[in-house]
Amino acid sequence: LARSGTGRPGGIGLVLLDVRLPGDDGF
């Protein structure tokens, strides 16, 4: 997210996010 950026053309506009992840969870 830091690399691609958000809120601009070409940036990340949609995140498909799993809940159970290693470390911090999706929530």
PDB file of all heavy atoms in Angstrom:
ATOM      1  N   LEU A   1       0.832  -1.208   0.000  1.00  0.00           N
ATOM      2  CA  LEU A   1       0.000   0.000   0.000  1.00  0.00           C
ATOM      3  C   LEU A   1       0.865   1.254   0.000  1.00  0.00           C
ATOM      4  O   LEU A   1       0.556   2.235  -0.685  1.00  0.00           O
ATOM      5  CB  LEU A   1      -0.925  -0.004   1.225  1.00  0.00           C
ATOM      6  CG  LEU A   1      -2.101  -0.990   1.169  1.00  0.00           C
ATOM      7  CD1 LEU A   1      -2.638  -1.268   2.572  1.00  0.00           C
ATOM      8  CD2 LEU A   1      -3.209  -0.437   0.275  1.00  0.00           C
ATOM      9  N   ALA A   2       1.949   1.227   0.769  1.00  0.00           N
ATOM     10  CA  ALA A   2       2.857   2.378   0.801  1.00  0.00           C
ATOM     11  C   ALA A   2       3.563   2.555  -0.539  1.00  0.00           C
ATOM     12  O   ALA A   2       3.777   3.677  -1.010  1.00  0.00           O
ATOM     13  CB  ALA A   2       3.879   2.199   1.924  1.00  0.00           C
ATOM     14  N   ARG A   3       3.894   1.418  -1.179  1.00  0.00           N
ATOM     15  CA  ARG A   3       4.614   1.452  -2.454  1.00  0.00           C
ATOM     16  C   ARG A   3       3.720   1.912  -3.601  1.00  0.00           C
ATOM     17  O   ARG A   3       4.109   2.766  -4.404  1.00  0.00           O
ATOM     18  CB  ARG A   3       5.172   0.054  -2.743  1.00  0.00           C
ATOM     19  CG  ARG A   3       6.085  -0.023  -3.950  1.00  0.00           C
ATOM     20  CD  ARG A   3       6.907  -1.294  -3.953  1.00  0.00           C
ATOM     21  NE  ARG A   3       6.126  -2.492  -3.654  1.00  0.00           N
ATOM     22  CZ  ARG A   3       6.280  -3.221  -2.550  1.00  0.00           C
ATOM     23  NH1 ARG A   3       7.176  -2.853  -1.629  1.00  0.00           N
ATOM     24  NH2 ARG A   3       5.565  -4.304  -2.344  1.00  0.00           N
ATOM     25  N   SER A   4       2.499   1.372  -3.681  1.00  0.00           N
ATOM     26  CA  SER A   4       1.609   1.674  -4.806  1.00  0.00           C
ATOM     27  C   SER A   4       0.757   2.911  -4.572  1.00  0.00           C
ATOM     28  O   SER A   4       0.319   3.554  -5.521  1.00  0.00           O
ATOM     29  CB  SER A   4       0.676   0.479  -5.067  1.00  0.00           C
ATOM     30  OG  SER A   4       1.407  -0.667  -5.435  1.00  0.00           O
ATOM     31  N   GLY A   5       0.495   3.217  -3.275  1.00  0.00           N
ATOM     32  CA  GLY A   5      -0.355   4.361  -2.985  1.00  0.00           C
ATOM     33  C   GLY A   5      -1.831   4.036  -3.172  1.00  0.00           C
ATOM     34  O   GLY A   5      -2.201   3.002  -3.732  1.00  0.00           O
ATOM     35  N   THR A   6      -2.668   4.933  -2.693  1.00  0.00           N
ATOM     36  CA  THR A   6      -4.121   4.789  -2.842  1.00  0.00           C
ATOM     37  C   THR A   6      -4.713   6.146  -3.195  1.00  0.00           C
ATOM     38  O   THR A   6      -4.037   7.177  -3.119  1.00  0.00           O
ATOM     39  CB  THR A   6      -4.767   4.295  -1.531  1.00  0.00           C
ATOM     40  OG1 THR A   6      -4.482   5.229  -0.488  1.00  0.00           O
ATOM     41  CG2 THR A   6      -4.251   2.926  -1.134  1.00  0.00           C
ATOM     42  N   GLY A   7      -5.974   6.139  -3.592  1.00  0.00           N
ATOM     43  CA  GLY A   7      -6.674   7.395  -3.843  1.00  0.00           C
ATOM     44  C   GLY A   7      -6.231   8.120  -5.091  1.00  0.00           C
ATOM     45  O   GLY A   7      -6.468   9.318  -5.239  1.00  0.00           O
ATOM     46  N   ARG A   8      -5.567   7.438  -6.018  1.00  0.00           N
ATOM     47  CA  ARG A   8      -5.139   8.076  -7.272  1.00  0.00           C
ATOM     48  C   ARG A   8      -5.147   7.045  -8.384  1.00  0.00           C
ATOM     49  O   ARG A   8      -5.091   5.829  -8.129  1.00  0.00           O
ATOM     50  CB  ARG A   8      -3.742   8.660  -7.122  1.00  0.00           C
ATOM     51  CG  ARG A   8      -2.686   7.644  -6.744  1.00  0.00           C
ATOM     52  CD  ARG A   8      -1.309   8.272  -6.648  1.00  0.00           C
ATOM     53  NE  ARG A   8      -0.289   7.351  -6.164  1.00  0.00           N
ATOM     54  CZ  ARG A   8       0.285   6.406  -6.895  1.00  0.00           C
ATOM     55  NH1 ARG A   8      -0.053   6.251  -8.171  1.00  0.00           N
ATOM     56  NH2 ARG A   8       1.217   5.613  -6.360  1.00  0.00           N
ATOM     57  N   PRO A   9      -5.243   7.463  -9.650  1.00  0.00           N
ATOM     58  CA  PRO A   9      -5.193   6.523 -10.762  1.00  0.00           C
ATOM     59  C   PRO A   9      -3.925   5.682 -10.721  1.00  0.00           C
ATOM     60  O   PRO A   9      -2.827   6.196 -10.484  1.00  0.00           O
ATOM     61  CB  PRO A   9      -5.216   7.440 -11.995  1.00  0.00           C
ATOM     62  CG  PRO A   9      -5.876   8.688 -11.523  1.00  0.00           C
ATOM     63  CD  PRO A   9      -5.451   8.849 -10.093  1.00  0.00           C
ATOM     64  N   GLY A  10      -4.076   4.391 -10.901  1.00  0.00           N
ATOM     65  CA  GLY A  10      -2.937   3.489 -10.857  1.00  0.00           C
ATOM     66  C   GLY A  10      -2.619   2.977  -9.477  1.00  0.00           C
ATOM     67  O   GLY A  10      -1.865   2.016  -9.322  1.00  0.00           O
ATOM     68  N   GLY A  11      -3.161   3.615  -8.443  1.00  0.00           N
ATOM     69  CA  GLY A  11      -2.956   3.156  -7.080  1.00  0.00           C
ATOM     70  C   GLY A  11      -3.934   2.044  -6.739  1.00  0.00           C
ATOM     71  O   GLY A  11      -4.750   1.611  -7.557  1.00  0.00           O
ATOM     72  N   ILE A  12      -3.845   1.576  -5.508  1.00  0.00           N
ATOM     73  CA  ILE A  12      -4.710   0.478  -5.077  1.00  0.00           C
ATOM     74  C   ILE A  12      -6.095   1.026  -4.732  1.00  0.00           C
ATOM     75  O   ILE A  12      -6.233   1.887  -3.860  1.00  0.00           O
ATOM     76  CB  ILE A  12      -4.104  -0.256  -3.871  1.00  0.00           C
ATOM     77  CG1 ILE A  12      -2.829  -0.979  -4.314  1.00  0.00           C
ATOM     78  CG2 ILE A  12      -5.100  -1.244  -3.260  1.00  0.00           C
ATOM     79  CD1 ILE A  12      -2.037  -1.588  -3.173  1.00  0.00           C
ATOM     80  N   GLY A  13      -7.098   0.509  -5.437  1.00  0.00           N
ATOM     81  CA  GLY A  13      -8.469   0.965  -5.210  1.00  0.00           C
ATOM     82  C   GLY A  13      -9.341  -0.077  -4.555  1.00  0.00           C
ATOM     83  O   GLY A  13     -10.435   0.235  -4.092  1.00  0.00           O
ATOM     84  N   LEU A  14      -8.864  -1.332  -4.548  1.00  0.00           N
ATOM     85  CA  LEU A  14      -9.653  -2.413  -3.964  1.00  0.00           C
ATOM     86  C   LEU A  14      -8.715  -3.398  -3.277  1.00  0.00           C
ATOM     87  O   LEU A  14      -7.706  -3.812  -3.857  1.00  0.00           O
ATOM     88  CB  LEU A  14     -10.456  -3.140  -5.055  1.00  0.00           C
ATOM     89  CG  LEU A  14     -11.175  -4.434  -4.661  1.00  0.00           C
ATOM     90  CD1 LEU A  14     -12.230  -4.177  -3.586  1.00  0.00           C
ATOM     91  CD2 LEU A  14     -11.823  -5.088  -5.882  1.00  0.00           C
ATOM     92  N   VAL A  15      -9.039  -3.759  -2.042  1.00  0.00           N
ATOM     93  CA  VAL A  15      -8.277  -4.751  -1.295  1.00  0.00           C
ATOM     94  C   VAL A  15      -9.180  -5.942  -1.022  1.00  0.00           C
ATOM     95  O   VAL A  15     -10.247  -5.798  -0.419  1.00  0.00           O
ATOM     96  CB  VAL A  15      -7.753  -4.184   0.039  1.00  0.00           C
ATOM     97  CG1 VAL A  15      -6.981  -5.254   0.808  1.00  0.00           C
ATOM     98  CG2 VAL A  15      -6.872  -2.961  -0.208  1.00  0.00           C
ATOM     99  N   LEU A  16      -8.765  -7.124  -1.500  1.00  0.00           N
ATOM    100  CA  LEU A  16      -9.454  -8.376  -1.179  1.00  0.00           C
ATOM    101  C   LEU A  16      -8.725  -8.962   0.018  1.00  0.00           C
ATOM    102  O   LEU A  16      -7.603  -9.460  -0.116  1.00  0.00           O
ATOM    103  CB  LEU A  16      -9.431  -9.327  -2.375  1.00  0.00           C
ATOM    104  CG  LEU A  16     -10.090  -8.801  -3.662  1.00  0.00           C
ATOM    105  CD1 LEU A  16      -9.938  -9.810  -4.796  1.00  0.00           C
ATOM    106  CD2 LEU A  16     -11.558  -8.470  -3.427  1.00  0.00           C
ATOM    107  N   LEU A  17      -9.333  -8.901   1.188  1.00  0.00           N
ATOM    108  CA  LEU A  17      -8.627  -9.101   2.455  1.00  0.00           C
ATOM    109  C   LEU A  17      -9.134 -10.315   3.217  1.00  0.00           C
ATOM    110  O   LEU A  17     -10.296 -10.364   3.631  1.00  0.00           O
ATOM    111  CB  LEU A  17      -8.796  -7.839   3.317  1.00  0.00           C
ATOM    112  CG  LEU A  17      -8.170  -7.830   4.706  1.00  0.00           C
ATOM    113  CD1 LEU A  17      -6.659  -7.974   4.628  1.00  0.00           C
ATOM    114  CD2 LEU A  17      -8.551  -6.542   5.433  1.00  0.00           C
ATOM    115  N   ASP A  18      -8.232 -11.280   3.439  1.00  0.00           N
ATOM    116  CA  ASP A  18      -8.577 -12.435   4.258  1.00  0.00           C
ATOM    117  C   ASP A  18      -8.540 -12.026   5.739  1.00  0.00           C
ATOM    118  O   ASP A  18      -7.790 -11.133   6.131  1.00  0.00           O
ATOM    119  CB  ASP A  18      -7.563 -13.562   4.005  1.00  0.00           C
ATOM    120  CG  ASP A  18      -7.962 -14.868   4.676  1.00  0.00           C
ATOM    121  OD1 ASP A  18      -9.177 -15.085   4.865  1.00  0.00           O
ATOM    122  OD2 ASP A  18      -7.069 -15.646   5.028  1.00  0.00           O
ATOM    123  N   VAL A  19      -9.364 -12.697   6.559  1.00  0.00           N
ATOM    124  CA  VAL A  19      -9.400 -12.379   7.990  1.00  0.00           C
ATOM    125  C   VAL A  19      -8.233 -13.027   8.725  1.00  0.00           C
ATOM    126  O   VAL A  19      -7.532 -12.387   9.505  1.00  0.00           O
ATOM    127  CB  VAL A  19     -10.740 -12.819   8.615  1.00  0.00           C
ATOM    128  CG1 VAL A  19     -10.686 -12.704  10.142  1.00  0.00           C
ATOM    129  CG2 VAL A  19     -11.885 -11.969   8.072  1.00  0.00           C
ATOM    130  N   ARG A  20      -8.004 -14.307   8.466  1.00  0.00           N
ATOM    131  CA  ARG A  20      -6.965 -15.038   9.201  1.00  0.00           C
ATOM    132  C   ARG A  20      -5.636 -14.910   8.466  1.00  0.00           C
ATOM    133  O   ARG A  20      -5.442 -15.474   7.388  1.00  0.00           O
ATOM    134  CB  ARG A  20      -7.349 -16.504   9.349  1.00  0.00           C
ATOM    135  CG  ARG A  20      -8.651 -16.701  10.103  1.00  0.00           C
ATOM    136  CD  ARG A  20      -8.794 -18.093  10.639  1.00  0.00           C
ATOM    137  NE  ARG A  20      -7.817 -18.369  11.677  1.00  0.00           N
ATOM    138  CZ  ARG A  20      -7.871 -19.436  12.472  1.00  0.00           C
ATOM    139  NH1 ARG A  20      -8.826 -20.329  12.333  1.00  0.00           N
ATOM    140  NH2 ARG A  20      -6.954 -19.626  13.395  1.00  0.00           N
ATOM    141  N   LEU A  21      -4.724 -14.149   9.067  1.00  0.00           N
ATOM    142  CA  LEU A  21      -3.420 -13.898   8.481  1.00  0.00           C
ATOM    143  C   LEU A  21      -2.346 -14.112   9.547  1.00  0.00           C
ATOM    144  O   LEU A  21      -2.612 -13.975  10.742  1.00  0.00           O
ATOM    145  CB  LEU A  21      -3.336 -12.448   7.969  1.00  0.00           C
ATOM    146  CG  LEU A  21      -4.262 -12.052   6.830  1.00  0.00           C
ATOM    147  CD1 LEU A  21      -4.229 -10.534   6.637  1.00  0.00           C
ATOM    148  CD2 LEU A  21      -3.859 -12.759   5.535  1.00  0.00           C
ATOM    149  N   PRO A  22      -1.127 -14.440   9.143  1.00  0.00           N
ATOM    150  CA  PRO A  22      -0.046 -14.506  10.125  1.00  0.00           C
ATOM    151  C   PRO A  22       0.244 -13.109  10.668  1.00  0.00           C
ATOM    152  O   PRO A  22       0.202 -12.122   9.927  1.00  0.00           O
ATOM    153  CB  PRO A  22       1.138 -15.047   9.303  1.00  0.00           C
ATOM    154  CG  PRO A  22       0.805 -14.742   7.879  1.00  0.00           C
ATOM    155  CD  PRO A  22      -0.682 -14.799   7.785  1.00  0.00           C
ATOM    156  N   GLY A  23       0.499 -13.020  11.972  1.00  0.00           N
ATOM    157  CA  GLY A  23       0.707 -11.703  12.568  1.00  0.00           C
ATOM    158  C   GLY A  23      -0.630 -11.017  12.788  1.00  0.00           C
ATOM    159  O   GLY A  23      -1.591 -11.620  13.273  1.00  0.00           O
ATOM    160  N   ASP A  24      -0.703  -9.741  12.410  1.00  0.00           N
ATOM    161  CA  ASP A  24      -1.966  -9.003  12.546  1.00  0.00           C
ATOM    162  C   ASP A  24      -3.040  -9.632  11.663  1.00  0.00           C
ATOM    163  O   ASP A  24      -2.769 -10.015  10.519  1.00  0.00           O
ATOM    164  CB  ASP A  24      -1.770  -7.543  12.133  1.00  0.00           C
ATOM    165  CG  ASP A  24      -0.921  -6.773  13.131  1.00  0.00           C
ATOM    166  OD1 ASP A  24      -0.821  -7.224  14.289  1.00  0.00           O
ATOM    167  OD2 ASP A  24      -0.362  -5.730  12.741  1.00  0.00           O
ATOM    168  N   ASP A  25      -4.266  -9.702  12.186  1.00  0.00           N
ATOM    169  CA  ASP A  25      -5.332 -10.289  11.377  1.00  0.00           C
ATOM    170  C   ASP A  25      -5.918  -9.248  10.432  1.00  0.00           C
ATOM    171  O   ASP A  25      -5.571  -8.061  10.459  1.00  0.00           O
ATOM    172  CB  ASP A  25      -6.426 -10.906  12.261  1.00  0.00           C
ATOM    173  CG  ASP A  25      -7.175  -9.883  13.096  1.00  0.00           C
ATOM    174  OD1 ASP A  25      -7.067  -8.674  12.815  1.00  0.00           O
ATOM    175  OD2 ASP A  25      -7.872 -10.295  14.041  1.00  0.00           O
ATOM    176  N   GLY A  26      -6.823  -9.723   9.571  1.00  0.00           N
ATOM    177  CA  GLY A  26      -7.397  -8.848   8.554  1.00  0.00           C
ATOM    178  C   GLY A  26      -8.213  -7.712   9.129  1.00  0.00           C
ATOM    179  O   GLY A  26      -8.232  -6.601   8.573  1.00  0.00           O
ATOM    180  N   PHE A  27      -8.897  -7.953  10.250  1.00  0.00           N
ATOM    181  CA  PHE A  27      -9.700  -6.890  10.842  1.00  0.00           C
ATOM    182  C   PHE A  27      -8.827  -5.740  11.342  1.00  0.00           C
ATOM    183  O   PHE A  27      -9.243  -4.577  11.324  1.00  0.00           O
ATOM    184  CB  PHE A  27     -10.563  -7.442  11.988  1.00  0.00           C
ATOM    185  CG  PHE A  27     -11.773  -8.198  11.520  1.00  0.00           C
ATOM    186  CD1 PHE A  27     -12.178  -9.362  12.155  1.00  0.00           C
ATOM    187  CD2 PHE A  27     -12.518  -7.751  10.435  1.00  0.00           C
ATOM    188  CE1 PHE A  27     -13.297 -10.057  11.729  1.00  0.00           C
ATOM    189  CE2 PHE A  27     -13.641  -8.431  10.000  1.00  0.00           C
ATOM    190  CZ  PHE A  27     -14.035  -9.589  10.643  1.00  0.00           C
TER     191      PHE A  27
END
